[in-house]
N, C-alpha and C. Protein backbone atom coordinates (compact mmCIF):
# COMPACT_ATOMS: atom_id res chain seq x y z
N UNK A 1 -20.72 8.43 -31.98
CA UNK A 1 -20.62 7.58 -31.03
C UNK A 1 -18.97 7.24 -30.79
N UNK A 2 -18.47 6.38 -32.40
CA UNK A 2 -17.14 6.13 -32.34
C UNK A 2 -15.93 7.23 -31.89
N UNK A 3 -16.29 8.46 -31.86
CA UNK A 3 -15.66 9.25 -31.20
C UNK A 3 -15.96 9.36 -29.77
N UNK A 4 -16.71 9.10 -29.32
CA UNK A 4 -16.67 8.80 -27.95
C UNK A 4 -16.12 7.60 -27.29
N UNK A 5 -16.33 6.52 -27.55
CA UNK A 5 -15.29 5.60 -27.59
C UNK A 5 -13.54 5.79 -27.59
N UNK A 6 -13.26 6.64 -28.96
CA UNK A 6 -12.07 7.40 -28.77
C UNK A 6 -11.18 7.90 -27.92
N UNK A 7 -12.26 8.91 -27.28
CA UNK A 7 -11.90 9.39 -26.24
C UNK A 7 -11.79 9.11 -25.17
N UNK A 8 -12.49 8.37 -24.89
CA UNK A 8 -12.61 7.07 -23.67
C UNK A 8 -11.32 6.10 -23.71
N UNK A 9 -10.93 5.94 -25.11
CA UNK A 9 -9.71 4.61 -24.72
C UNK A 9 -8.36 5.51 -24.58
N UNK A 10 -8.35 7.07 -25.27
CA UNK A 10 -7.09 7.93 -25.11
C UNK A 10 -7.28 8.26 -23.47
N UNK A 11 -8.34 8.24 -22.86
CA UNK A 11 -8.46 8.70 -21.29
C UNK A 11 -8.07 7.54 -20.78
N UNK A 12 -8.38 6.45 -21.02
CA UNK A 12 -7.69 5.14 -20.20
C UNK A 12 -6.23 4.76 -20.24
N UNK A 13 -5.64 4.88 -21.28
CA UNK A 13 -4.30 5.18 -22.18
C UNK A 13 -3.37 6.10 -21.50
N UNK A 14 -4.20 7.13 -20.48
CA UNK A 14 -3.18 8.22 -20.41
C UNK A 14 -3.33 7.88 -18.90
N UNK A 15 -4.16 7.31 -18.06
CA UNK A 15 -4.04 7.36 -16.73
C UNK A 15 -3.58 6.24 -16.29
N UNK A 16 -3.73 5.13 -17.50
CA UNK A 16 -2.63 3.72 -17.26
C UNK A 16 -1.39 4.48 -17.18
N UNK A 17 -0.84 4.96 -18.33
CA UNK A 17 0.53 5.34 -18.44
C UNK A 17 1.08 6.14 -17.00
N UNK A 18 0.01 6.88 -17.09
CA UNK A 18 0.04 8.32 -15.40
C UNK A 18 0.35 6.79 -14.31
N UNK A 19 -0.38 6.28 -13.89
CA UNK A 19 -0.06 4.92 -12.84
C UNK A 19 0.89 4.16 -12.65
N UNK A 20 1.37 3.59 -14.34
CA UNK A 20 2.46 3.15 -13.96
C UNK A 20 3.69 3.80 -13.68
N UNK A 21 3.63 5.21 -14.26
CA UNK A 21 5.22 6.31 -13.89
C UNK A 21 5.00 6.22 -12.15
N UNK A 22 3.44 6.33 -11.34
CA UNK A 22 4.00 6.60 -10.08
C UNK A 22 4.12 5.59 -9.59
N UNK A 23 3.78 4.62 -9.79
CA UNK A 23 4.27 3.01 -9.36
C UNK A 23 5.73 2.84 -9.10
N UNK A 24 6.36 3.19 -10.11
CA UNK A 24 8.20 3.68 -10.37
C UNK A 24 8.46 4.41 -9.03
N UNK A 25 7.68 5.43 -9.15
CA UNK A 25 8.10 6.28 -8.03
C UNK A 25 8.13 6.21 -6.47
N UNK A 26 6.60 5.14 -6.52
CA UNK A 26 6.80 4.52 -5.41
C UNK A 26 7.79 3.64 -4.84
N UNK A 27 7.62 2.91 -5.78
CA UNK A 27 8.49 1.52 -5.47
C UNK A 27 10.35 2.12 -4.64
N UNK A 28 10.48 2.70 -6.16
CA UNK A 28 12.31 3.47 -6.05
C UNK A 28 11.87 4.43 -4.30
N UNK A 29 11.06 5.28 -4.32
CA UNK A 29 11.46 5.99 -2.95
C UNK A 29 10.78 4.99 -1.50
N UNK A 30 9.82 3.69 -1.59
CA UNK A 30 9.68 3.01 -0.96
C UNK A 30 11.09 2.43 -0.38
N UNK A 31 11.79 1.73 -0.96
CA UNK A 31 13.22 1.17 -1.11
C UNK A 31 14.34 2.63 -1.11
N UNK A 32 14.34 3.21 -0.75
CA UNK A 32 15.32 4.54 -0.68
C UNK A 32 15.09 4.58 1.14
N UNK A 33 13.10 4.60 1.45
CA UNK A 33 13.13 5.13 2.81
C UNK A 33 13.55 4.19 4.12
N UNK A 34 13.34 2.25 3.08
CA UNK A 34 13.50 1.12 4.23
C UNK A 34 14.86 0.80 3.90
N UNK A 35 15.56 1.51 2.65
CA UNK A 35 17.37 1.06 3.10
C UNK A 35 17.45 2.26 3.98
N UNK A 36 17.20 3.27 4.68
CA UNK A 36 17.50 4.28 5.51
C UNK A 36 17.31 4.11 6.32
N UNK A 37 16.44 2.40 6.83
CA UNK A 37 15.95 2.57 8.29
C UNK A 37 14.76 3.13 8.31
N UNK A 38 13.86 4.13 7.50
CA UNK A 38 12.47 4.49 7.99
C UNK A 38 11.27 3.48 7.34
N UNK A 39 11.15 2.86 8.08
CA UNK A 39 10.10 1.26 7.77
C UNK A 39 8.88 1.84 7.54
N UNK A 40 8.72 2.65 8.51
CA UNK A 40 7.16 3.20 8.69
C UNK A 40 6.92 3.96 7.47
N UNK A 41 7.46 4.92 6.91
CA UNK A 41 7.46 5.74 5.62
C UNK A 41 7.63 4.54 4.47
N UNK A 42 8.62 3.56 4.06
CA UNK A 42 8.44 2.94 3.56
C UNK A 42 7.32 1.78 3.26
N UNK A 43 6.70 1.14 4.49
CA UNK A 43 5.60 0.62 4.22
C UNK A 43 4.47 1.68 3.51
N UNK A 44 4.28 2.85 3.99
CA UNK A 44 3.27 3.55 3.41
C UNK A 44 3.31 3.50 1.92
N UNK A 45 4.66 3.38 1.29
CA UNK A 45 4.67 3.87 0.25
C UNK A 45 4.60 2.45 -0.68
N UNK A 46 4.83 1.74 0.00
CA UNK A 46 4.69 0.13 -1.04
C UNK A 46 3.11 -0.14 -0.61
N UNK A 47 2.14 0.49 0.11
CA UNK A 47 0.77 0.13 0.19
C UNK A 47 0.51 1.00 -1.06
N UNK A 48 0.83 2.22 -1.06
CA UNK A 48 0.07 2.61 -2.47
C UNK A 48 0.70 2.38 -3.19
N UNK A 49 1.32 1.54 -3.87
CA UNK A 49 2.00 0.80 -5.20
C UNK A 49 0.87 -0.23 -5.28
N UNK A 50 0.86 -0.72 -3.99
CA UNK A 50 0.36 -2.20 -3.56
C UNK A 50 -1.25 -2.03 -4.47
N UNK A 51 -2.00 -0.69 -4.39
CA UNK A 51 -3.16 -0.12 -4.49
C UNK A 51 -3.13 0.05 -6.01
N UNK A 52 -1.53 0.40 -6.44
CA UNK A 52 -2.00 0.20 -8.34
C UNK A 52 -1.46 -0.89 -8.50
N UNK A 53 -0.57 -1.83 -8.18
CA UNK A 53 -0.43 -3.29 -8.78
C UNK A 53 -0.24 -4.16 -7.56
N UNK A 54 -1.52 -5.12 -7.34
CA UNK A 54 -1.22 -5.71 -5.93
C UNK A 54 -1.32 -7.23 -5.97
N UNK A 55 -0.88 -7.73 -7.63
CA UNK A 55 -0.63 -8.54 -7.86
C UNK A 55 1.14 -9.11 -8.04
N UNK A 56 1.84 -7.77 -8.21
CA UNK A 56 3.22 -8.25 -8.27
C UNK A 56 4.00 -9.11 -7.58
N UNK A 57 4.48 -10.16 -7.44
CA UNK A 57 5.26 -10.71 -6.24
C UNK A 57 6.62 -9.97 -5.84
N UNK A 58 7.22 -9.41 -6.26
CA UNK A 58 8.08 -8.81 -5.85
C UNK A 58 7.72 -7.58 -4.73
N UNK A 59 6.49 -7.05 -5.28
CA UNK A 59 6.01 -5.81 -4.04
C UNK A 59 5.74 -6.49 -2.88
N UNK A 60 5.13 -7.85 -3.00
CA UNK A 60 4.44 -8.67 -1.64
C UNK A 60 5.85 -9.19 -1.20
N UNK A 61 6.53 -9.32 -1.75
CA UNK A 61 8.05 -9.61 -1.17
C UNK A 61 8.84 -8.39 -0.47
N UNK A 62 8.56 -7.49 -0.94
CA UNK A 62 9.55 -6.34 0.10
C UNK A 62 8.41 -5.85 1.23
N UNK A 63 7.32 -6.05 0.93
CA UNK A 63 6.54 -5.13 2.47
C UNK A 63 6.61 -6.47 2.80
N UNK A 64 6.46 -7.89 2.85
CA UNK A 64 7.38 -8.47 3.87
C UNK A 64 8.51 -8.56 4.87
N UNK A 65 9.31 -8.35 3.64
CA UNK A 65 10.40 -8.14 4.21
C UNK A 65 10.55 -6.61 4.93
N UNK A 66 9.96 -5.67 4.56
CA UNK A 66 10.21 -4.25 5.32
C UNK A 66 8.80 -4.51 6.62
N UNK A 67 8.37 -5.36 6.21
CA UNK A 67 7.60 -5.74 8.16
C UNK A 67 8.28 -6.16 9.04
N UNK A 68 9.11 -7.56 8.54
CA UNK A 68 9.88 -7.92 9.41
C UNK A 68 11.19 -7.28 9.87
N UNK A 69 11.70 -6.02 8.78
CA UNK A 69 12.82 -5.34 10.11
C UNK A 69 11.76 -4.38 11.07
N UNK A 70 10.72 -4.10 10.38
CA UNK A 70 9.77 -3.26 11.31
C UNK A 70 9.43 -4.07 12.22
N UNK A 71 9.63 -5.29 12.82
CA UNK A 71 9.53 -6.57 13.54
C UNK A 71 8.40 -6.47 13.93
N UNK A 72 7.04 -6.15 12.85
CA UNK A 72 5.64 -6.75 12.98
C UNK A 72 5.83 -7.81 12.25
N UNK A 73 5.84 -8.71 12.91
CA UNK A 73 5.73 -10.13 12.83
C UNK A 73 4.69 -10.90 12.19
N UNK A 74 3.61 -10.43 12.57
CA UNK A 74 2.14 -11.34 12.20
C UNK A 74 2.00 -10.47 10.79
N UNK A 75 1.75 -9.07 10.26
CA UNK A 75 1.95 -8.64 9.37
C UNK A 75 2.37 -9.28 8.18
N UNK A 76 4.17 -9.66 8.77
CA UNK A 76 5.43 -10.05 7.93
C UNK A 76 4.63 -11.68 7.86
N UNK A 77 4.77 -12.25 8.93
CA UNK A 77 3.95 -13.74 8.03
C UNK A 77 3.21 -13.58 7.19
N UNK A 78 2.26 -12.80 7.22
CA UNK A 78 0.72 -13.02 6.37
C UNK A 78 1.44 -12.68 4.53
N UNK A 79 2.56 -11.56 4.44
CA UNK A 79 2.78 -11.39 3.24
C UNK A 79 3.86 -12.63 2.97
N UNK A 80 4.38 -13.19 3.77
CA UNK A 80 5.17 -14.10 3.03
C UNK A 80 4.42 -15.40 2.57
N UNK A 81 3.09 -15.62 3.46
CA UNK A 81 2.53 -16.56 3.25
C UNK A 81 1.72 -16.48 1.81
N UNK A 82 1.50 -15.00 1.79
CA UNK A 82 0.99 -14.44 -0.10
C UNK A 82 2.00 -14.82 -1.42
N UNK A 83 3.42 -14.19 -0.52
CA UNK A 83 4.05 -14.45 -1.33
C UNK A 83 4.39 -16.31 -1.87
N UNK A 84 4.64 -17.37 -0.70
CA UNK A 84 5.15 -18.32 -1.11
C UNK A 84 3.03 -19.25 -1.66
N UNK A 85 2.30 -18.49 -1.40
CA UNK A 85 1.34 -19.61 -2.25
C UNK A 85 1.12 -18.76 -3.89
N UNK A 86 1.78 -17.62 -4.29
CA UNK A 86 1.64 -17.35 -5.24
C UNK A 86 2.51 -18.37 -6.12
N UNK A 87 3.96 -18.47 -5.78
CA UNK A 87 5.61 -18.66 -6.68
C UNK A 87 5.93 -19.66 -5.79
N UNK A 88 5.60 -20.31 -4.55
CA UNK A 88 5.74 -21.75 -4.20
C UNK A 88 7.63 -21.57 -4.40
N UNK A 89 8.41 -20.89 -3.89
CA UNK A 89 9.63 -20.88 -3.39
C UNK A 89 10.40 -21.20 -4.92
N UNK A 90 9.81 -20.26 -6.25
CA UNK A 90 10.58 -20.66 -7.41
C UNK A 90 11.40 -19.08 -7.53
N UNK A 91 11.01 -17.88 -7.26
CA UNK A 91 11.34 -16.91 -7.27
C UNK A 91 12.63 -16.35 -5.88
N UNK A 92 11.80 -17.05 -4.99
CA UNK A 92 12.38 -16.32 -4.14
C UNK A 92 12.19 -17.72 -3.18
N UNK A 93 13.13 -18.52 -2.95
CA UNK A 93 13.67 -19.58 -2.40
C UNK A 93 13.10 -19.31 -0.67
N UNK A 94 13.81 -18.51 -0.13
CA UNK A 94 14.21 -18.29 1.19
C UNK A 94 12.46 -18.28 1.57
N UNK A 95 11.37 -17.64 1.00
CA UNK A 95 9.97 -17.21 1.14
C UNK A 95 9.37 -18.28 2.18
N UNK A 96 9.74 -19.62 1.91
CA UNK A 96 8.76 -20.79 3.22
C UNK A 96 9.82 -20.55 4.16
N UNK A 97 11.16 -20.48 4.40
CA UNK A 97 11.76 -20.52 5.68
C UNK A 97 11.41 -19.32 6.30
N UNK A 98 11.25 -18.31 5.93
CA UNK A 98 10.57 -16.91 6.32
C UNK A 98 9.51 -16.90 6.98
N UNK A 99 9.11 -17.84 5.96
CA UNK A 99 7.53 -17.74 6.51
C UNK A 99 7.24 -18.85 7.98
N UNK A 100 8.07 -19.73 8.24
CA UNK A 100 8.37 -20.72 9.48
C UNK A 100 8.57 -19.70 10.47
N UNK A 101 9.53 -18.75 10.19
CA UNK A 101 10.12 -18.70 11.34
C UNK A 101 9.28 -17.11 11.61
N UNK A 102 8.87 -16.50 10.91
CA UNK A 102 7.84 -15.49 11.10
C UNK A 102 6.90 -16.47 11.75
N UNK A 103 6.40 -17.36 11.81
CA UNK A 103 5.38 -18.20 12.71
C UNK A 103 5.97 -18.78 14.17
N UNK A 104 7.31 -18.84 14.57
CA UNK A 104 7.86 -19.20 15.18
C UNK A 104 8.03 -18.09 15.82
N UNK A 105 8.29 -16.65 15.52
CA UNK A 105 8.33 -15.45 16.24
C UNK A 105 6.70 -15.36 16.88
N UNK A 106 5.92 -15.28 16.11
CA UNK A 106 4.54 -15.19 16.54
C UNK A 106 3.69 -15.87 17.64
N UNK A 107 4.63 -17.43 18.00
CA UNK A 107 4.12 -18.36 19.15
C UNK A 107 3.74 -19.30 18.63
N UNK A 108 3.48 -19.83 16.97
CA UNK A 108 2.82 -20.53 16.70
C UNK A 108 3.89 -22.03 16.78
N UNK A 109 3.98 -22.72 17.32
CA UNK A 109 5.17 -23.67 17.28
C UNK A 109 4.96 -24.88 16.71
N UNK A 110 3.65 -25.59 16.52
CA UNK A 110 3.75 -26.44 15.64
C UNK A 110 3.41 -25.94 13.80
N UNK A 111 3.30 -24.79 13.60
CA UNK A 111 3.40 -25.16 12.05
C UNK A 111 4.30 -24.86 11.64
N UNK A 112 5.22 -24.12 11.98
CA UNK A 112 6.51 -23.81 11.85
C UNK A 112 7.45 -24.65 10.97
N UNK A 113 7.30 -25.87 11.95
CA UNK A 113 8.11 -27.30 12.28
C UNK A 113 7.67 -27.64 10.78
N UNK A 114 6.61 -27.70 9.87
CA UNK A 114 5.70 -28.26 8.85
C UNK A 114 6.90 -27.62 7.54
N UNK A 115 6.63 -25.80 8.22
CA UNK A 115 7.19 -24.86 7.13
C UNK A 115 8.97 -25.15 6.97
N UNK A 116 9.00 -25.28 8.10
CA UNK A 116 11.12 -25.28 8.44
C UNK A 116 11.04 -26.88 8.08
N UNK A 117 10.79 -27.74 7.82
CA UNK A 117 11.21 -28.90 7.16
C UNK A 117 10.93 -29.15 5.40
N UNK A 118 9.94 -28.61 5.27
CA UNK A 118 9.82 -28.77 3.71
C UNK A 118 11.22 -27.87 2.97
N UNK A 119 11.74 -27.29 2.98
CA UNK A 119 12.73 -26.75 1.94
C UNK A 119 13.65 -27.79 2.01
N UNK A 120 13.85 -27.97 2.83
CA UNK A 120 14.93 -29.56 3.06
C UNK A 120 14.57 -30.61 2.54
N UNK A 121 13.10 -31.09 2.53
CA UNK A 121 12.95 -31.81 1.61
C UNK A 121 12.97 -31.42 0.17
N UNK A 122 12.78 -30.29 -0.61
CA UNK A 122 12.62 -30.03 -1.64
C UNK A 122 14.52 -30.06 -2.00
N UNK A 123 15.18 -29.62 -1.37
CA UNK A 123 16.68 -29.58 -1.65
C UNK A 123 16.63 -31.11 -1.91
N UNK A 124 16.73 -31.73 -1.12
CA UNK A 124 17.04 -33.27 -1.29
C UNK A 124 16.61 -33.86 -1.94
N UNK A 125 15.29 -33.68 -2.70
CA UNK A 125 14.29 -33.66 -3.65
C UNK A 125 15.28 -33.62 -5.32
N UNK A 126 15.96 -32.39 -5.03
CA UNK A 126 16.23 -31.40 -6.02
C UNK A 126 17.49 -32.13 -6.32
N UNK A 127 18.46 -32.42 -5.53
CA UNK A 127 19.92 -32.87 -5.56
C UNK A 127 19.69 -34.29 -6.10
N UNK A 128 19.15 -35.04 -5.41
CA UNK A 128 18.65 -36.96 -6.11
C UNK A 128 18.44 -36.73 -7.92
N UNK A 129 17.74 -35.37 -8.45
CA UNK A 129 17.56 -35.60 -9.78
C UNK A 129 18.45 -35.16 -10.41
N UNK A 130 19.48 -34.30 -9.91
CA UNK A 130 20.59 -33.93 -10.48
C UNK A 130 21.51 -35.35 -10.54
N UNK A 131 21.73 -36.24 -9.63
CA UNK A 131 22.54 -36.76 -9.01
C UNK A 131 22.54 -37.80 -10.44
N UNK A 132 21.13 -38.14 -10.58
CA UNK A 132 20.59 -39.57 -11.26
C UNK A 132 20.62 -38.75 -12.67
N UNK A 133 20.82 -37.35 -13.05
CA UNK A 133 20.64 -36.94 -14.74
C UNK A 133 22.15 -36.62 -14.46
N UNK A 134 23.39 -36.45 -13.83
CA UNK A 134 24.39 -36.77 -14.31
C UNK A 134 25.21 -38.15 -14.77
N UNK A 135 24.69 -39.11 -13.59
CA UNK A 135 24.75 -40.71 -13.79
C UNK A 135 23.98 -41.03 -15.23
N UNK A 136 22.99 -40.55 -15.22
CA UNK A 136 22.83 -41.02 -17.06
C UNK A 136 23.73 -40.20 -18.08
N UNK A 137 24.25 -38.95 -17.31
CA UNK A 137 25.35 -38.81 -18.85
C UNK A 137 26.50 -39.57 -19.07
N UNK A 138 26.77 -39.88 -17.78
CA UNK A 138 28.01 -40.92 -17.62
C UNK A 138 28.21 -41.92 -18.54
N UNK A 139 26.81 -42.62 -18.12
CA UNK A 139 26.26 -43.97 -18.92
C UNK A 139 26.43 -43.95 -20.22
């Protein structure tokens, strides 16, 4: 019985290593296609990469950017919303701005105002915190 567990563990490790290798290939090829302007094939390979690892914010960001370049604003809005929900503009500060712009492109005129004003509030709060820290150091 222990041999069976050993065999299963080895096959699992082999498949996981193989899938990680494929993930890198898919992402590299998708980025190359996106830079060439072939967004259709880039999206195809980004979807294959998301089947392997759908939790990575970087992949979601690339998919959103590619949909925006492909001018499919509804799907771009969906993926920008996913990116913002997961990282709240810590990694990609322009995710909220792009989400608002995609909502505006889709004709949702009330929702983007909320999203477009929010980055300004965050920036002003950060400036206040930085200013108060500088004042404390000077005293």
